[in-house]
Amino acid sequence: MAKARALDKRRKSVRNIRKITRTMELIATARFKKAMDRAHAATAYTKRMTALVADLAHSGLDVDHPLLVERPTTERATLLVLTGNRGLCGGYNSNVLRLALARLTELQTTIPQLRVEVSGKRGLAAFKFRGLAVDECFTHFEDKPTFGEVDVLATRYLEEYLAGRLDRLDVAYTKFQSVSRQIATVETLLPLGSLAEGPVDERASRKQYEFLPSAASILEEVVPTSFKIKLFKCFLDAAVSEQVARMVAMKSATENADGLIKMLSMTYNRARQSQITSEILDVLGGVEALKSS
């Protein structure tokens, strides 16, 4: 009877775990839908901003801005790593950290002054476990990063770059492409040389632009905003990718729990039947003993 009781106790434990994983799957699904809508909206805005600067670059206007010019030498750089505050999301955090550590090793060999900034408790714990120093850490970016929160960070990067205290900014994060495809990547956001290399609308490039109050004042607004939007898009992609990874991981855990519960139920039934049969044989043996006496 002890074996059957142990199997029943283990089956109840697995059922309780299944309830937790199923609940987490539903929560991740709900958060994913909201995060995906925000990411799609930011994607459209980012593409339009990039196309606008590309059109201006091919319209005869001299697009001249410090953020678009690469430095002759790179003496100071920052690596920003975007991870999650929680686990139970498959390989989401480990994939980003693998690329971030590889880029960190690459930058350390060529850049004298390198800062490492990490967003997320999981990334911070990984760097601490490896004995790597982290200059700045952020744990307030959850699954709903706001533009105001990212703007504070982006403004600091812009000020440091324009003041000459920063020559390059790399961001390690997970890029969201679709529900079935998220790619861990490392992108260089500063300098913004790629803004003027976006897709060009030939009809737009032939248009005559009129700038009010002036072209320089408009570029002073458009170019820094483009950087802020791109950084904000990185945070949004990371948030939605984390929810997708957690949704898939919890769904897989729930399915595995279903299979384990089924297997334990079959084993429990067999053990119970064996015990019942043994008890019946014991009773019959006692009856025969009484008859013979």
C-alpha atoms as a PDB file:
ATOM      1  CA  MET A   1       0.000   0.000   0.000  1.00  0.00           C
ATOM      2  CA  ALA A   2       2.960   2.274   0.624  1.00  0.00           C
ATOM      3  CA  LYS A   3       3.928   2.266  -3.076  1.00  0.00           C
ATOM      4  CA  ALA A   4       0.397   3.170  -4.190  1.00  0.00           C
ATOM      5  CA  ARG A   5       0.236   5.986  -1.642  1.00  0.00           C
ATOM      6  CA  ALA A   6       3.594   7.343  -2.808  1.00  0.00           C
ATOM      7  CA  LEU A   7       2.433   7.299  -6.438  1.00  0.00           C
ATOM      8  CA  ASP A   8      -0.822   9.042  -5.537  1.00  0.00           C
ATOM      9  CA  LYS A   9       1.066  11.697  -3.554  1.00  0.00           C
ATOM     10  CA  ARG A  10       3.422  12.305  -6.480  1.00  0.00           C
ATOM     11  CA  ARG A  11       0.488  12.528  -8.905  1.00  0.00           C
ATOM     12  CA  LYS A  12      -1.182  15.184  -6.739  1.00  0.00           C
ATOM     13  CA  SER A  13       2.089  17.134  -6.626  1.00  0.00           C
ATOM     14  CA  VAL A  14       2.370  17.065 -10.439  1.00  0.00           C
ATOM     15  CA  ARG A  15      -1.243  18.204 -10.747  1.00  0.00           C
ATOM     16  CA  ASN A  16      -0.521  21.192  -8.519  1.00  0.00           C
ATOM     17  CA  ILE A  17       2.518  22.076 -10.620  1.00  0.00           C
ATOM     18  CA  ARG A  18       0.399  21.766 -13.775  1.00  0.00           C
ATOM     19  CA  LYS A  19      -2.071  24.299 -12.394  1.00  0.00           C
ATOM     20  CA  ILE A  20       0.788  26.758 -11.881  1.00  0.00           C
ATOM     21  CA  THR A  21       2.309  26.271 -15.348  1.00  0.00           C
ATOM     22  CA  ARG A  22      -1.106  26.527 -17.003  1.00  0.00           C
ATOM     23  CA  THR A  23      -1.853  29.756 -15.155  1.00  0.00           C
ATOM     24  CA  MET A  24       1.524  31.202 -16.119  1.00  0.00           C
ATOM     25  CA  GLU A  25       0.883  30.222 -19.743  1.00  0.00           C
ATOM     26  CA  LEU A  26      -2.435  32.109 -19.759  1.00  0.00           C
ATOM     27  CA  ILE A  27      -0.873  35.172 -18.122  1.00  0.00           C
ATOM     28  CA  ALA A  28       2.012  35.184 -20.613  1.00  0.00           C
ATOM     29  CA  THR A  29      -0.456  34.874 -23.502  1.00  0.00           C
ATOM     30  CA  ALA A  30      -2.447  37.890 -22.314  1.00  0.00           C
ATOM     31  CA  ARG A  31       0.697  39.969 -21.777  1.00  0.00           C
ATOM     32  CA  PHE A  32       2.110  38.881 -25.127  1.00  0.00           C
ATOM     33  CA  LYS A  33      -0.901  40.178 -27.064  1.00  0.00           C
ATOM     34  CA  LYS A  34      -0.643  43.613 -25.455  1.00  0.00           C
ATOM     35  CA  ALA A  35       3.125  43.772 -25.897  1.00  0.00           C
ATOM     36  CA  MET A  36       2.889  42.690 -29.536  1.00  0.00           C
ATOM     37  CA  ASP A  37       0.422  45.487 -30.344  1.00  0.00           C
ATOM     38  CA  ARG A  38       2.811  48.049 -28.857  1.00  0.00           C
ATOM     39  CA  ALA A  39       5.777  46.545 -30.714  1.00  0.00           C
ATOM     40  CA  HIS A  40       3.937  46.617 -34.052  1.00  0.00           C
ATOM     41  CA  ALA A  41       2.979  50.262 -33.545  1.00  0.00           C
ATOM     42  CA  ALA A  42       6.579  51.189 -32.730  1.00  0.00           C
ATOM     43  CA  THR A  43       7.839  49.240 -35.769  1.00  0.00           C
ATOM     44  CA  ALA A  44       5.675  51.264 -38.148  1.00  0.00           C
ATOM     45  CA  TYR A  45       6.792  54.527 -36.545  1.00  0.00           C
ATOM     46  CA  THR A  46      10.471  53.517 -36.653  1.00  0.00           C
ATOM     47  CA  LYS A  47      10.288  52.590 -40.337  1.00  0.00           C
ATOM     48  CA  ARG A  48       8.599  55.882 -41.189  1.00  0.00           C
ATOM     49  CA  MET A  49      11.210  57.910 -39.310  1.00  0.00           C
ATOM     50  CA  THR A  50      14.021  56.014 -41.033  1.00  0.00           C
ATOM     51  CA  ALA A  51      12.386  56.512 -44.438  1.00  0.00           C
ATOM     52  CA  LEU A  52      11.968  60.236 -43.737  1.00  0.00           C
ATOM     53  CA  VAL A  53      15.673  60.769 -43.051  1.00  0.00           C
ATOM     54  CA  ALA A  54      16.566  58.617 -46.080  1.00  0.00           C
ATOM     55  CA  ASP A  55      14.303  60.752 -48.282  1.00  0.00           C
ATOM     56  CA  LEU A  56      15.916  63.915 -46.957  1.00  0.00           C
ATOM     57  CA  ALA A  57      19.361  62.470 -47.601  1.00  0.00           C
ATOM     58  CA  HIS A  58      18.491  61.818 -51.274  1.00  0.00           C
ATOM     59  CA  SER A  59      16.597  65.039 -51.879  1.00  0.00           C
ATOM     60  CA  GLY A  60      19.688  67.212 -52.306  1.00  0.00           C
ATOM     61  CA  LEU A  61      19.693  68.346 -48.692  1.00  0.00           C
ATOM     62  CA  ASP A  62      23.013  68.122 -46.900  1.00  0.00           C
ATOM     63  CA  VAL A  63      22.092  65.878 -43.970  1.00  0.00           C
ATOM     64  CA  ASP A  64      24.706  66.886 -41.415  1.00  0.00           C
ATOM     65  CA  HIS A  65      24.284  65.884 -37.792  1.00  0.00           C
ATOM     66  CA  PRO A  66      26.815  64.732 -35.149  1.00  0.00           C
ATOM     67  CA  LEU A  67      24.830  61.548 -34.490  1.00  0.00           C
ATOM     68  CA  LEU A  68      25.212  60.475 -38.117  1.00  0.00           C
ATOM     69  CA  VAL A  69      28.997  60.891 -38.248  1.00  0.00           C
ATOM     70  CA  GLU A  70      31.273  58.035 -37.228  1.00  0.00           C
ATOM     71  CA  ARG A  71      34.178  58.919 -34.965  1.00  0.00           C
ATOM     72  CA  PRO A  72      37.677  58.466 -36.452  1.00  0.00           C
ATOM     73  CA  THR A  73      38.674  56.463 -33.376  1.00  0.00           C
ATOM     74  CA  THR A  74      36.517  54.681 -30.810  1.00  0.00           C
ATOM     75  CA  GLU A  75      37.905  55.232 -27.332  1.00  0.00           C
ATOM     76  CA  ARG A  76      34.744  54.956 -25.201  1.00  0.00           C
ATOM     77  CA  ALA A  77      31.886  52.524 -25.732  1.00  0.00           C
ATOM     78  CA  THR A  78      28.877  51.172 -23.865  1.00  0.00           C
ATOM     79  CA  LEU A  79      27.305  47.731 -24.137  1.00  0.00           C
ATOM     80  CA  LEU A  80      23.653  47.611 -23.039  1.00  0.00           C
ATOM     81  CA  VAL A  81      22.262  44.115 -22.388  1.00  0.00           C
ATOM     82  CA  LEU A  82      18.477  43.632 -22.218  1.00  0.00           C
ATOM     83  CA  THR A  83      17.315  40.590 -20.250  1.00  0.00           C
ATOM     84  CA  GLY A  84      14.292  39.707 -18.133  1.00  0.00           C
ATOM     85  CA  ASN A  85      13.634  40.062 -14.420  1.00  0.00           C
ATOM     86  CA  ARG A  86      12.210  36.545 -14.218  1.00  0.00           C
ATOM     87  CA  GLY A  87      13.064  33.102 -15.521  1.00  0.00           C
ATOM     88  CA  LEU A  88      10.881  30.204 -16.688  1.00  0.00           C
ATOM     89  CA  CYS A  89      11.096  31.462 -20.281  1.00  0.00           C
ATOM     90  CA  GLY A  90      13.209  28.831 -21.991  1.00  0.00           C
ATOM     91  CA  GLY A  91      16.436  30.032 -23.572  1.00  0.00           C
ATOM     92  CA  TYR A  92      15.395  33.680 -23.831  1.00  0.00           C
ATOM     93  CA  ASN A  93      17.916  35.071 -21.331  1.00  0.00           C
ATOM     94  CA  SER A  94      20.736  32.632 -22.110  1.00  0.00           C
ATOM     95  CA  ASN A  95      20.628  33.369 -25.855  1.00  0.00           C
ATOM     96  CA  VAL A  96      21.003  37.118 -25.306  1.00  0.00           C
ATOM     97  CA  LEU A  97      23.731  36.663 -22.706  1.00  0.00           C
ATOM     98  CA  ARG A  98      25.711  34.364 -25.007  1.00  0.00           C
ATOM     99  CA  LEU A  99      25.875  37.033 -27.724  1.00  0.00           C
ATOM    100  CA  ALA A 100      26.436  39.838 -25.218  1.00  0.00           C
ATOM    101  CA  LEU A 101      29.434  38.083 -23.660  1.00  0.00           C
ATOM    102  CA  ALA A 102      30.894  37.404 -27.101  1.00  0.00           C
ATOM    103  CA  ARG A 103      30.534  41.087 -28.071  1.00  0.00           C
ATOM    104  CA  LEU A 104      31.971  42.110 -24.697  1.00  0.00           C
ATOM    105  CA  THR A 105      35.095  40.038 -25.345  1.00  0.00           C
ATOM    106  CA  GLU A 106      35.388  41.533 -28.834  1.00  0.00           C
ATOM    107  CA  LEU A 107      35.055  45.128 -27.640  1.00  0.00           C
ATOM    108  CA  GLN A 108      37.488  44.679 -24.755  1.00  0.00           C
ATOM    109  CA  THR A 109      40.276  43.874 -27.197  1.00  0.00           C
ATOM    110  CA  THR A 110      39.851  47.056 -29.243  1.00  0.00           C
ATOM    111  CA  ILE A 111      38.288  49.729 -27.004  1.00  0.00           C
ATOM    112  CA  PRO A 112      40.188  51.137 -23.993  1.00  0.00           C
ATOM    113  CA  GLN A 113      37.171  52.370 -22.000  1.00  0.00           C
ATOM    114  CA  LEU A 114      34.161  50.069 -22.045  1.00  0.00           C
ATOM    115  CA  ARG A 115      31.064  50.347 -19.880  1.00  0.00           C
ATOM    116  CA  VAL A 116      28.591  47.499 -19.358  1.00  0.00           C
ATOM    117  CA  GLU A 117      24.982  48.266 -18.493  1.00  0.00           C
ATOM    118  CA  VAL A 118      22.463  45.491 -17.848  1.00  0.00           C
ATOM    119  CA  SER A 119      18.678  45.615 -17.743  1.00  0.00           C
ATOM    120  CA  GLY A 120      17.023  42.729 -15.922  1.00  0.00           C
ATOM    121  CA  LYS A 121      17.774  40.713 -12.780  1.00  0.00           C
ATOM    122  CA  ARG A 122      18.640  37.594 -14.777  1.00  0.00           C
ATOM    123  CA  GLY A 123      21.353  39.347 -16.743  1.00  0.00           C
ATOM    124  CA  LEU A 124      22.711  40.993 -13.609  1.00  0.00           C
ATOM    125  CA  ALA A 125      22.897  37.617 -11.841  1.00  0.00           C
ATOM    126  CA  ALA A 126      24.663  36.055 -14.844  1.00  0.00           C
ATOM    127  CA  PHE A 127      27.357  38.757 -14.916  1.00  0.00           C
ATOM    128  CA  LYS A 128      27.802  38.525 -11.145  1.00  0.00           C
ATOM    129  CA  PHE A 129      28.130  34.733 -11.341  1.00  0.00           C
ATOM    130  CA  ARG A 130      30.921  35.082 -13.932  1.00  0.00           C
ATOM    131  CA  GLY A 131      32.691  37.756 -11.887  1.00  0.00           C
ATOM    132  CA  LEU A 132      32.166  40.458 -14.526  1.00  0.00           C
ATOM    133  CA  ALA A 133      31.750  44.066 -13.457  1.00  0.00           C
ATOM    134  CA  VAL A 134      28.527  45.912 -14.315  1.00  0.00           C
ATOM    135  CA  ASP A 135      28.680  49.717 -14.354  1.00  0.00           C
ATOM    136  CA  GLU A 136      24.911  50.311 -14.365  1.00  0.00           C
ATOM    137  CA  CYS A 137      21.909  48.059 -13.812  1.00  0.00           C
ATOM    138  CA  PHE A 138      18.171  48.542 -14.352  1.00  0.00           C
ATOM    139  CA  THR A 139      15.427  46.366 -12.900  1.00  0.00           C
ATOM    140  CA  HIS A 140      12.384  48.625 -13.390  1.00  0.00           C
ATOM    141  CA  PHE A 141      11.770  47.730 -17.050  1.00  0.00           C
ATOM    142  CA  GLU A 142       8.995  45.127 -16.912  1.00  0.00           C
ATOM    143  CA  ASP A 143       6.832  43.712 -19.728  1.00  0.00           C
ATOM    144  CA  LYS A 144       5.396  47.205 -20.396  1.00  0.00           C
ATOM    145  CA  PRO A 145       8.346  49.563 -20.880  1.00  0.00           C
ATOM    146  CA  THR A 146       7.151  53.124 -21.409  1.00  0.00           C
ATOM    147  CA  PHE A 147       8.700  55.676 -23.721  1.00  0.00           C
ATOM    148  CA  GLY A 148       9.225  58.002 -20.762  1.00  0.00           C
ATOM    149  CA  GLU A 149      11.364  55.404 -18.974  1.00  0.00           C
ATOM    150  CA  VAL A 150      13.455  54.697 -22.062  1.00  0.00           C
ATOM    151  CA  ASP A 151      13.690  58.408 -22.898  1.00  0.00           C
ATOM    152  CA  VAL A 152      15.632  59.066 -19.685  1.00  0.00           C
ATOM    153  CA  LEU A 153      18.182  56.461 -20.709  1.00  0.00           C
ATOM    154  CA  ALA A 154      18.297  57.581 -24.356  1.00  0.00           C
ATOM    155  CA  THR A 155      18.778  61.233 -23.386  1.00  0.00           C
ATOM    156  CA  ARG A 156      21.794  60.322 -21.255  1.00  0.00           C
ATOM    157  CA  TYR A 157      23.352  58.406 -24.153  1.00  0.00           C
ATOM    158  CA  LEU A 158      22.762  61.344 -26.501  1.00  0.00           C
ATOM    159  CA  GLU A 159      24.290  63.813 -24.088  1.00  0.00           C
ATOM    160  CA  GLU A 160      27.331  61.602 -23.561  1.00  0.00           C
ATOM    161  CA  TYR A 161      27.784  61.082 -27.302  1.00  0.00           C
ATOM    162  CA  LEU A 162      27.475  64.764 -28.186  1.00  0.00           C
ATOM    163  CA  ALA A 163      29.837  65.697 -25.348  1.00  0.00           C
ATOM    164  CA  GLY A 164      32.449  63.216 -26.567  1.00  0.00           C
ATOM    165  CA  ARG A 165      32.173  60.922 -23.527  1.00  0.00           C
ATOM    166  CA  LEU A 166      30.712  58.128 -25.679  1.00  0.00           C
ATOM    167  CA  ASP A 167      31.806  56.997 -29.149  1.00  0.00           C
ATOM    168  CA  ARG A 168      29.728  53.860 -29.627  1.00  0.00           C
ATOM    169  CA  LEU A 169      26.635  52.213 -28.196  1.00  0.00           C
ATOM    170  CA  ASP A 170      25.839  48.528 -28.714  1.00  0.00           C
ATOM    171  CA  VAL A 171      22.579  46.934 -27.559  1.00  0.00           C
ATOM    172  CA  ALA A 172      22.141  43.180 -27.035  1.00  0.00           C
ATOM    173  CA  TYR A 173      18.494  42.139 -27.104  1.00  0.00           C
ATOM    174  CA  THR A 174      16.012  39.746 -28.700  1.00  0.00           C
ATOM    175  CA  LYS A 175      14.479  41.032 -31.919  1.00  0.00           C
ATOM    176  CA  PHE A 176      10.835  40.102 -32.456  1.00  0.00           C
ATOM    177  CA  GLN A 177       9.966  39.160 -36.037  1.00  0.00           C
ATOM    178  CA  SER A 178       6.919  36.926 -35.595  1.00  0.00           C
ATOM    179  CA  VAL A 179       5.278  34.641 -33.059  1.00  0.00           C
ATOM    180  CA  SER A 180       7.416  31.756 -34.291  1.00  0.00           C
ATOM    181  CA  ARG A 181      10.650  33.680 -34.807  1.00  0.00           C
ATOM    182  CA  GLN A 182      12.625  35.773 -32.312  1.00  0.00           C
ATOM    183  CA  ILE A 183      16.333  36.343 -32.854  1.00  0.00           C
ATOM    184  CA  ALA A 184      18.914  37.298 -30.241  1.00  0.00           C
ATOM    185  CA  THR A 185      21.097  40.011 -31.753  1.00  0.00           C
ATOM    186  CA  VAL A 186      23.557  42.797 -30.990  1.00  0.00           C
ATOM    187  CA  GLU A 187      23.079  46.106 -32.826  1.00  0.00           C
ATOM    188  CA  THR A 188      25.136  49.289 -32.901  1.00  0.00           C
ATOM    189  CA  LEU A 189      22.760  52.234 -32.328  1.00  0.00           C
ATOM    190  CA  LEU A 190      25.351  54.992 -32.062  1.00  0.00           C
ATOM    191  CA  PRO A 191      26.491  56.458 -34.343  1.00  0.00           C
ATOM    192  CA  LEU A 192      23.320  56.529 -36.423  1.00  0.00           C
ATOM    193  CA  GLY A 193      25.015  56.232 -39.793  1.00  0.00           C
ATOM    194  CA  SER A 194      22.404  53.715 -40.987  1.00  0.00           C
ATOM    195  CA  LEU A 195      19.571  56.245 -40.835  1.00  0.00           C
ATOM    196  CA  ALA A 196      20.510  57.812 -44.128  1.00  0.00           C
ATOM    197  CA  GLU A 197      20.858  54.398 -45.762  1.00  0.00           C
ATOM    198  CA  GLY A 198      17.257  53.255 -45.467  1.00  0.00           C
ATOM    199  CA  PRO A 199      14.885  52.397 -48.321  1.00  0.00           C
ATOM    200  CA  VAL A 200      14.360  55.349 -50.617  1.00  0.00           C
ATOM    201  CA  ASP A 201      11.055  56.281 -52.172  1.00  0.00           C
ATOM    202  CA  GLU A 202      12.035  57.521 -55.659  1.00  0.00           C
ATOM    203  CA  ARG A 203       8.908  59.647 -55.971  1.00  0.00           C
ATOM    204  CA  ALA A 204       9.576  61.180 -52.558  1.00  0.00           C
ATOM    205  CA  SER A 205      13.230  61.827 -53.424  1.00  0.00           C
ATOM    206  CA  ARG A 206      12.159  63.932 -56.402  1.00  0.00           C
ATOM    207  CA  LYS A 207       9.925  66.126 -54.266  1.00  0.00           C
ATOM    208  CA  GLN A 208      10.921  69.649 -53.380  1.00  0.00           C
ATOM    209  CA  TYR A 209      10.904  69.993 -49.608  1.00  0.00           C
ATOM    210  CA  GLU A 210      10.057  73.199 -47.829  1.00  0.00           C
ATOM    211  CA  PHE A 211      11.374  73.462 -44.289  1.00  0.00           C
ATOM    212  CA  LEU A 212       9.774  75.631 -41.648  1.00  0.00           C
ATOM    213  CA  PRO A 213      11.382  77.199 -39.756  1.00  0.00           C
ATOM    214  CA  SER A 214      14.590  75.668 -41.243  1.00  0.00           C
ATOM    215  CA  ALA A 215      16.079  72.363 -42.358  1.00  0.00           C
ATOM    216  CA  ALA A 216      18.668  72.441 -39.568  1.00  0.00           C
ATOM    217  CA  SER A 217      16.063  72.877 -36.845  1.00  0.00           C
ATOM    218  CA  ILE A 218      13.990  69.998 -38.220  1.00  0.00           C
ATOM    219  CA  LEU A 219      17.008  67.686 -38.344  1.00  0.00           C
ATOM    220  CA  GLU A 220      17.836  68.648 -34.769  1.00  0.00           C
ATOM    221  CA  GLU A 221      14.477  67.145 -33.810  1.00  0.00           C
ATOM    222  CA  VAL A 222      14.209  64.223 -36.246  1.00  0.00           C
ATOM    223  CA  VAL A 223      17.633  62.634 -35.799  1.00  0.00           C
ATOM    224  CA  PRO A 224      17.675  62.411 -31.956  1.00  0.00           C
ATOM    225  CA  THR A 225      14.048  61.248 -32.001  1.00  0.00           C
ATOM    226  CA  SER A 226      15.006  58.505 -34.453  1.00  0.00           C
ATOM    227  CA  PHE A 227      17.597  57.223 -31.996  1.00  0.00           C
ATOM    228  CA  LYS A 228      15.148  57.318 -29.084  1.00  0.00           C
ATOM    229  CA  ILE A 229      12.541  55.415 -31.078  1.00  0.00           C
ATOM    230  CA  LYS A 230      15.066  52.777 -32.125  1.00  0.00           C
ATOM    231  CA  LEU A 231      16.165  52.254 -28.516  1.00  0.00           C
ATOM    232  CA  PHE A 232      12.531  52.126 -27.393  1.00  0.00           C
ATOM    233  CA  LYS A 233      11.862  49.542 -30.110  1.00  0.00           C
ATOM    234  CA  CYS A 234      14.671  47.382 -28.693  1.00  0.00           C
ATOM    235  CA  PHE A 235      12.996  47.394 -25.274  1.00  0.00           C
ATOM    236  CA  LEU A 236       9.598  46.598 -26.795  1.00  0.00           C
ATOM    237  CA  ASP A 237      10.986  43.732 -28.864  1.00  0.00           C
ATOM    238  CA  ALA A 238      12.733  42.330 -25.801  1.00  0.00           C
ATOM    239  CA  ALA A 239       9.500  42.509 -23.775  1.00  0.00           C
ATOM    240  CA  VAL A 240       7.317  40.772 -26.358  1.00  0.00           C
ATOM    241  CA  SER A 241       9.987  38.139 -27.071  1.00  0.00           C
ATOM    242  CA  GLU A 242      10.204  37.326 -23.370  1.00  0.00           C
ATOM    243  CA  GLN A 243       6.451  36.759 -23.166  1.00  0.00           C
ATOM    244  CA  VAL A 244       6.511  34.542 -26.255  1.00  0.00           C
ATOM    245  CA  ALA A 245       9.352  32.481 -24.793  1.00  0.00           C
ATOM    246  CA  ARG A 246       7.553  32.148 -21.451  1.00  0.00           C
ATOM    247  CA  MET A 247       4.279  31.244 -23.166  1.00  0.00           C
ATOM    248  CA  VAL A 248       5.963  28.475 -25.176  1.00  0.00           C
ATOM    249  CA  ALA A 249       7.941  27.198 -22.177  1.00  0.00           C
ATOM    250  CA  MET A 250       4.885  27.046 -19.912  1.00  0.00           C
ATOM    251  CA  LYS A 251       2.817  25.363 -22.616  1.00  0.00           C
ATOM    252  CA  SER A 252       5.510  22.712 -23.011  1.00  0.00           C
ATOM    253  CA  ALA A 253       5.694  22.267 -19.224  1.00  0.00           C
ATOM    254  CA  THR A 254       1.908  21.856 -19.026  1.00  0.00           C
ATOM    255  CA  GLU A 255       1.929  19.230 -21.772  1.00  0.00           C
ATOM    256  CA  ASN A 256       4.761  17.362 -20.057  1.00  0.00           C
ATOM    257  CA  ALA A 257       2.807  17.450 -16.799  1.00  0.00           C
ATOM    258  CA  ASP A 258      -0.243  15.983 -18.571  1.00  0.00           C
ATOM    259  CA  GLY A 259       1.879  13.131 -19.881  1.00  0.00           C
ATOM    260  CA  LEU A 260       3.450  12.501 -16.475  1.00  0.00           C
ATOM    261  CA  ILE A 261       0.048  12.515 -14.754  1.00  0.00           C
ATOM    262  CA  LYS A 262      -1.234   9.959 -17.257  1.00  0.00           C
ATOM    263  CA  MET A 263       1.788   7.727 -16.732  1.00  0.00           C
ATOM    264  CA  LEU A 264       1.546   7.984 -12.934  1.00  0.00           C
ATOM    265  CA  SER A 265      -2.179   7.193 -13.053  1.00  0.00           C
ATOM    266  CA  MET A 266      -1.519   4.014 -15.038  1.00  0.00           C
ATOM    267  CA  THR A 267       1.272   2.969 -12.677  1.00  0.00           C
ATOM    268  CA  TYR A 268      -0.904   3.764  -9.654  1.00  0.00           C
ATOM    269  CA  ASN A 269      -3.808   1.680 -11.004  1.00  0.00           C
ATOM    270  CA  ARG A 270      -1.516  -1.266 -11.651  1.00  0.00           C
ATOM    271  CA  ALA A 271      -0.001  -1.034  -8.174  1.00  0.00           C
ATOM    272  CA  ARG A 272      -3.448  -0.767  -6.606  1.00  0.00           C
ATOM    273  CA  GLN A 273      -4.729  -3.772  -8.547  1.00  0.00           C
ATOM    274  CA  SER A 274      -1.656  -5.764  -7.503  1.00  0.00           C
ATOM    275  CA  GLN A 275      -2.207  -4.872  -3.866  1.00  0.00           C
ATOM    276  CA  ILE A 276      -5.913  -5.758  -4.022  1.00  0.00           C
ATOM    277  CA  THR A 277      -5.078  -9.108  -5.628  1.00  0.00           C
ATOM    278  CA  SER A 278      -2.494  -9.797  -2.936  1.00  0.00           C
ATOM    279  CA  GLU A 279      -4.995  -8.942  -0.192  1.00  0.00           C
ATOM    280  CA  ILE A 280      -7.634 -11.268  -1.721  1.00  0.00           C
ATOM    281  CA  LEU A 281      -5.125 -14.113  -1.884  1.00  0.00           C
ATOM    282  CA  ASP A 282      -4.224 -13.525   1.746  1.00  0.00           C
ATOM    283  CA  VAL A 283      -7.924 -13.726   2.727  1.00  0.00           C
ATOM    284  CA  LEU A 284      -8.442 -16.914   0.717  1.00  0.00           C
ATOM    285  CA  GLY A 285      -5.341 -18.420   2.264  1.00  0.00           C
ATOM    286  CA  GLY A 286      -6.698 -17.667   5.738  1.00  0.00           C
ATOM    287  CA  VAL A 287     -10.037 -19.258   4.887  1.00  0.00           C
ATOM    288  CA  GLU A 288      -8.355 -22.427   3.662  1.00  0.00           C
ATOM    289  CA  ALA A 289      -6.270 -22.559   6.817  1.00  0.00           C
ATOM    290  CA  LEU A 290      -9.401 -22.328   8.988  1.00  0.00           C
ATOM    291  CA  LYS A 291     -11.078 -25.099   7.014  1.00  0.00           C
ATOM    292  CA  SER A 292      -8.120 -27.417   7.345  1.00  0.00           C
ATOM    293  CA  SER A 293      -7.997 -26.857  11.086  1.00  0.00           C
END
